[in-house]
Amino acid sequence: MIQNETLIRVTDNSGAKKVKCIKVLGGFRRKFANLGDLIVVSIRRVKQHKKKKIKVKEGEVVHALVVRTKAKLVRQNSTHLKCQENSVVLITNKNKPIATRILGPVPKELRHSKFMKVASLSAGFI
């Protein structure tokens, strides 16, 4: 579960490395974000590449989609899914990913949501 002030790793090639959660979207008084939820983040650290184009700047505020969490996810068939880190994918205001690649697999639950583009850019499914 992700809440305000949580530092999160970015798993795409947009140029950001670490972001900080500012707000959990999806309702009044909502405190935690789980897999597949939208959050508002501030970019804290970016990659230092001179030749590659970095699409975001440090301190910029963008939306993000939670793709992996340390908290357990219990599926319908009683299997548990637990990742080693919290990670997000940066998206635009129209729910399109900023990046062109997503590093690592994403959960199958994202395949049937409105974020099909994020699922198709990923390396595979868990």
C-alpha atoms as a PDB file:
ATOM      1  CA  MET A   1       0.000   0.000   0.000  1.00  0.00           C
ATOM      2  CA  ILE A   2       1.211   3.448  -0.880  1.00  0.00           C
ATOM      3  CA  GLN A   3       0.325   6.579   1.029  1.00  0.00           C
ATOM      4  CA  ASN A   4       1.392  10.223   1.076  1.00  0.00           C
ATOM      5  CA  GLU A   5       5.144  10.937   1.372  1.00  0.00           C
ATOM      6  CA  THR A   6       6.103   7.449   0.121  1.00  0.00           C
ATOM      7  CA  LEU A   7       9.228   7.276  -2.060  1.00  0.00           C
ATOM      8  CA  ILE A   8       8.601   5.030  -5.069  1.00  0.00           C
ATOM      9  CA  ARG A   9      10.749   3.681  -7.900  1.00  0.00           C
ATOM     10  CA  VAL A  10       9.781   4.412 -11.530  1.00  0.00           C
ATOM     11  CA  THR A  11       9.847   1.428 -13.916  1.00  0.00           C
ATOM     12  CA  ASP A  12       9.751   3.040 -17.335  1.00  0.00           C
ATOM     13  CA  ASN A  13      12.133   4.881 -19.634  1.00  0.00           C
ATOM     14  CA  SER A  14      10.742   8.373 -19.072  1.00  0.00           C
ATOM     15  CA  GLY A  15      13.942   9.474 -17.306  1.00  0.00           C
ATOM     16  CA  ALA A  16      12.738   9.577 -13.693  1.00  0.00           C
ATOM     17  CA  LYS A  17      14.273   7.277 -11.065  1.00  0.00           C
ATOM     18  CA  LYS A  18      12.504   8.153  -7.793  1.00  0.00           C
ATOM     19  CA  VAL A  19       9.212   9.902  -7.146  1.00  0.00           C
ATOM     20  CA  LYS A  20       7.324  10.915  -4.011  1.00  0.00           C
ATOM     21  CA  CYS A  21       3.584  10.377  -3.625  1.00  0.00           C
ATOM     22  CA  ILE A  22       1.675  13.606  -3.027  1.00  0.00           C
ATOM     23  CA  LYS A  23      -1.948  12.474  -3.245  1.00  0.00           C
ATOM     24  CA  VAL A  24      -3.911   9.258  -3.682  1.00  0.00           C
ATOM     25  CA  LEU A  25      -6.662   9.787  -6.258  1.00  0.00           C
ATOM     26  CA  GLY A  26     -10.033   8.119  -6.200  1.00  0.00           C
ATOM     27  CA  GLY A  27     -12.089   9.614  -3.434  1.00  0.00           C
ATOM     28  CA  PHE A  28     -12.382  11.949  -0.522  1.00  0.00           C
ATOM     29  CA  ARG A  29     -10.296  10.854   2.507  1.00  0.00           C
ATOM     30  CA  ARG A  30      -8.659   8.001   0.636  1.00  0.00           C
ATOM     31  CA  LYS A  31      -5.375   7.179   2.366  1.00  0.00           C
ATOM     32  CA  PHE A  32      -3.841   4.178   0.604  1.00  0.00           C
ATOM     33  CA  ALA A  33      -3.243   3.181  -3.018  1.00  0.00           C
ATOM     34  CA  ASN A  34      -3.045  -0.447  -4.151  1.00  0.00           C
ATOM     35  CA  LEU A  35      -2.246  -2.104  -7.458  1.00  0.00           C
ATOM     36  CA  GLY A  36      -3.835  -0.348 -10.444  1.00  0.00           C
ATOM     37  CA  ASP A  37      -4.654   2.902  -8.608  1.00  0.00           C
ATOM     38  CA  LEU A  38      -3.776   6.417  -9.730  1.00  0.00           C
ATOM     39  CA  ILE A  39      -1.655   8.726  -7.616  1.00  0.00           C
ATOM     40  CA  VAL A  40      -0.161  12.197  -8.013  1.00  0.00           C
ATOM     41  CA  VAL A  41       3.627  12.244  -7.653  1.00  0.00           C
ATOM     42  CA  SER A  42       6.480  14.729  -7.572  1.00  0.00           C
ATOM     43  CA  ILE A  43       9.685  13.747  -9.336  1.00  0.00           C
ATOM     44  CA  ARG A  44      12.615  13.658  -6.916  1.00  0.00           C
ATOM     45  CA  ARG A  45      15.515  12.128  -8.888  1.00  0.00           C
ATOM     46  CA  VAL A  46      16.115  11.834 -12.637  1.00  0.00           C
ATOM     47  CA  LYS A  47      18.684   9.880 -14.639  1.00  0.00           C
ATOM     48  CA  GLN A  48      21.761  11.791 -15.713  1.00  0.00           C
ATOM     49  CA  HIS A  49      22.141  10.977 -19.416  1.00  0.00           C
ATOM     50  CA  LYS A  50      23.592  13.536 -21.787  1.00  0.00           C
ATOM     51  CA  LYS A  51      22.722  11.810 -25.042  1.00  0.00           C
ATOM     52  CA  LYS A  52      19.335  10.325 -24.180  1.00  0.00           C
ATOM     53  CA  LYS A  53      16.294  12.531 -24.055  1.00  0.00           C
ATOM     54  CA  ILE A  54      14.747  12.853 -20.598  1.00  0.00           C
ATOM     55  CA  LYS A  55      11.008  13.534 -20.810  1.00  0.00           C
ATOM     56  CA  VAL A  56      10.477  14.849 -17.270  1.00  0.00           C
ATOM     57  CA  LYS A  57      12.223  17.341 -14.984  1.00  0.00           C
ATOM     58  CA  GLU A  58      13.069  17.222 -11.318  1.00  0.00           C
ATOM     59  CA  GLY A  59      10.313  18.768  -9.174  1.00  0.00           C
ATOM     60  CA  GLU A  60       7.624  18.294 -11.817  1.00  0.00           C
ATOM     61  CA  VAL A  61       4.187  17.061 -10.672  1.00  0.00           C
ATOM     62  CA  VAL A  62       2.629  14.261 -12.775  1.00  0.00           C
ATOM     63  CA  HIS A  63       0.148  11.408 -12.458  1.00  0.00           C
ATOM     64  CA  ALA A  64       1.310   7.823 -11.987  1.00  0.00           C
ATOM     65  CA  LEU A  65      -0.141   4.312 -12.062  1.00  0.00           C
ATOM     66  CA  VAL A  66       0.847   1.827  -9.354  1.00  0.00           C
ATOM     67  CA  VAL A  67       2.085  -1.394 -11.018  1.00  0.00           C
ATOM     68  CA  ARG A  68       3.886  -3.187  -8.151  1.00  0.00           C
ATOM     69  CA  THR A  69       3.550  -3.051  -4.363  1.00  0.00           C
ATOM     70  CA  LYS A  70       5.204  -4.744  -1.413  1.00  0.00           C
ATOM     71  CA  ALA A  71       1.788  -5.441   0.097  1.00  0.00           C
ATOM     72  CA  LYS A  72       0.214  -8.801  -0.776  1.00  0.00           C
ATOM     73  CA  LEU A  73      -2.420  -9.000  -3.482  1.00  0.00           C
ATOM     74  CA  VAL A  74      -4.846 -11.907  -3.042  1.00  0.00           C
ATOM     75  CA  ARG A  75      -6.401 -13.120  -6.287  1.00  0.00           C
ATOM     76  CA  GLN A  76      -9.711 -14.916  -6.867  1.00  0.00           C
ATOM     77  CA  ASN A  77      -8.019 -18.341  -7.015  1.00  0.00           C
ATOM     78  CA  SER A  78      -6.399 -17.786  -3.569  1.00  0.00           C
ATOM     79  CA  THR A  79      -2.902 -17.116  -4.889  1.00  0.00           C
ATOM     80  CA  HIS A  80      -0.827 -14.342  -3.368  1.00  0.00           C
ATOM     81  CA  LEU A  81       1.280 -11.858  -5.280  1.00  0.00           C
ATOM     82  CA  LYS A  82       3.998  -9.928  -3.454  1.00  0.00           C
ATOM     83  CA  CYS A  83       6.773  -7.863  -5.076  1.00  0.00           C
ATOM     84  CA  GLN A  84      10.071  -6.722  -3.610  1.00  0.00           C
ATOM     85  CA  GLU A  85       9.491  -3.003  -4.185  1.00  0.00           C
ATOM     86  CA  ASN A  86       6.867  -0.360  -4.812  1.00  0.00           C
ATOM     87  CA  SER A  87       6.943   0.901  -8.391  1.00  0.00           C
ATOM     88  CA  VAL A  88       4.903   3.127 -10.676  1.00  0.00           C
ATOM     89  CA  VAL A  89       4.576   4.125 -14.331  1.00  0.00           C
ATOM     90  CA  LEU A  90       4.261   7.822 -15.184  1.00  0.00           C
ATOM     91  CA  ILE A  91       1.197   8.736 -17.252  1.00  0.00           C
ATOM     92  CA  THR A  92      -0.302  11.860 -18.798  1.00  0.00           C
ATOM     93  CA  ASN A  93      -3.599  13.423 -17.814  1.00  0.00           C
ATOM     94  CA  LYS A  94      -5.325  11.368 -20.545  1.00  0.00           C
ATOM     95  CA  ASN A  95      -4.104   8.040 -19.024  1.00  0.00           C
ATOM     96  CA  LYS A  96      -1.485   7.440 -21.708  1.00  0.00           C
ATOM     97  CA  PRO A  97       2.047   6.467 -20.596  1.00  0.00           C
ATOM     98  CA  ILE A  98       4.788   9.070 -20.967  1.00  0.00           C
ATOM     99  CA  ALA A  99       7.395   6.404 -21.711  1.00  0.00           C
ATOM    100  CA  THR A 100       7.744   4.009 -24.632  1.00  0.00           C
ATOM    101  CA  ARG A 101       8.881   0.966 -22.613  1.00  0.00           C
ATOM    102  CA  ILE A 102       7.982  -0.490 -19.233  1.00  0.00           C
ATOM    103  CA  LEU A 103      10.685  -2.451 -17.474  1.00  0.00           C
ATOM    104  CA  GLY A 104       9.680  -5.704 -15.826  1.00  0.00           C
ATOM    105  CA  PRO A 105       6.350  -7.515 -15.685  1.00  0.00           C
ATOM    106  CA  VAL A 106       3.015  -6.061 -14.574  1.00  0.00           C
ATOM    107  CA  PRO A 107       0.118  -7.919 -12.901  1.00  0.00           C
ATOM    108  CA  LYS A 108      -2.642  -9.508 -14.973  1.00  0.00           C
ATOM    109  CA  GLU A 109      -5.230  -7.277 -13.296  1.00  0.00           C
ATOM    110  CA  LEU A 110      -4.076  -4.295 -15.387  1.00  0.00           C
ATOM    111  CA  ARG A 111      -4.885  -6.139 -18.611  1.00  0.00           C
ATOM    112  CA  HIS A 112      -8.659  -5.766 -18.164  1.00  0.00           C
ATOM    113  CA  SER A 113      -8.659  -2.169 -16.969  1.00  0.00           C
ATOM    114  CA  LYS A 114      -8.547   1.136 -18.819  1.00  0.00           C
ATOM    115  CA  PHE A 115      -4.728   0.952 -18.789  1.00  0.00           C
ATOM    116  CA  MET A 116      -4.366  -1.594 -21.585  1.00  0.00           C
ATOM    117  CA  LYS A 117      -1.643   0.509 -23.224  1.00  0.00           C
ATOM    118  CA  VAL A 118       0.518   0.175 -20.093  1.00  0.00           C
ATOM    119  CA  ALA A 119      -0.009  -3.576 -20.090  1.00  0.00           C
ATOM    120  CA  SER A 120       0.919  -3.895 -23.761  1.00  0.00           C
ATOM    121  CA  LEU A 121       4.190  -1.951 -23.304  1.00  0.00           C
ATOM    122  CA  SER A 122       5.375  -4.148 -20.431  1.00  0.00           C
ATOM    123  CA  ALA A 123       7.762  -7.086 -20.606  1.00  0.00           C
ATOM    124  CA  GLY A 124       5.147  -9.614 -19.493  1.00  0.00           C
ATOM    125  CA  PHE A 125       2.524 -10.505 -16.927  1.00  0.00           C
ATOM    126  CA  ILE A 126       2.746 -11.900 -13.404  1.00  0.00           C
END
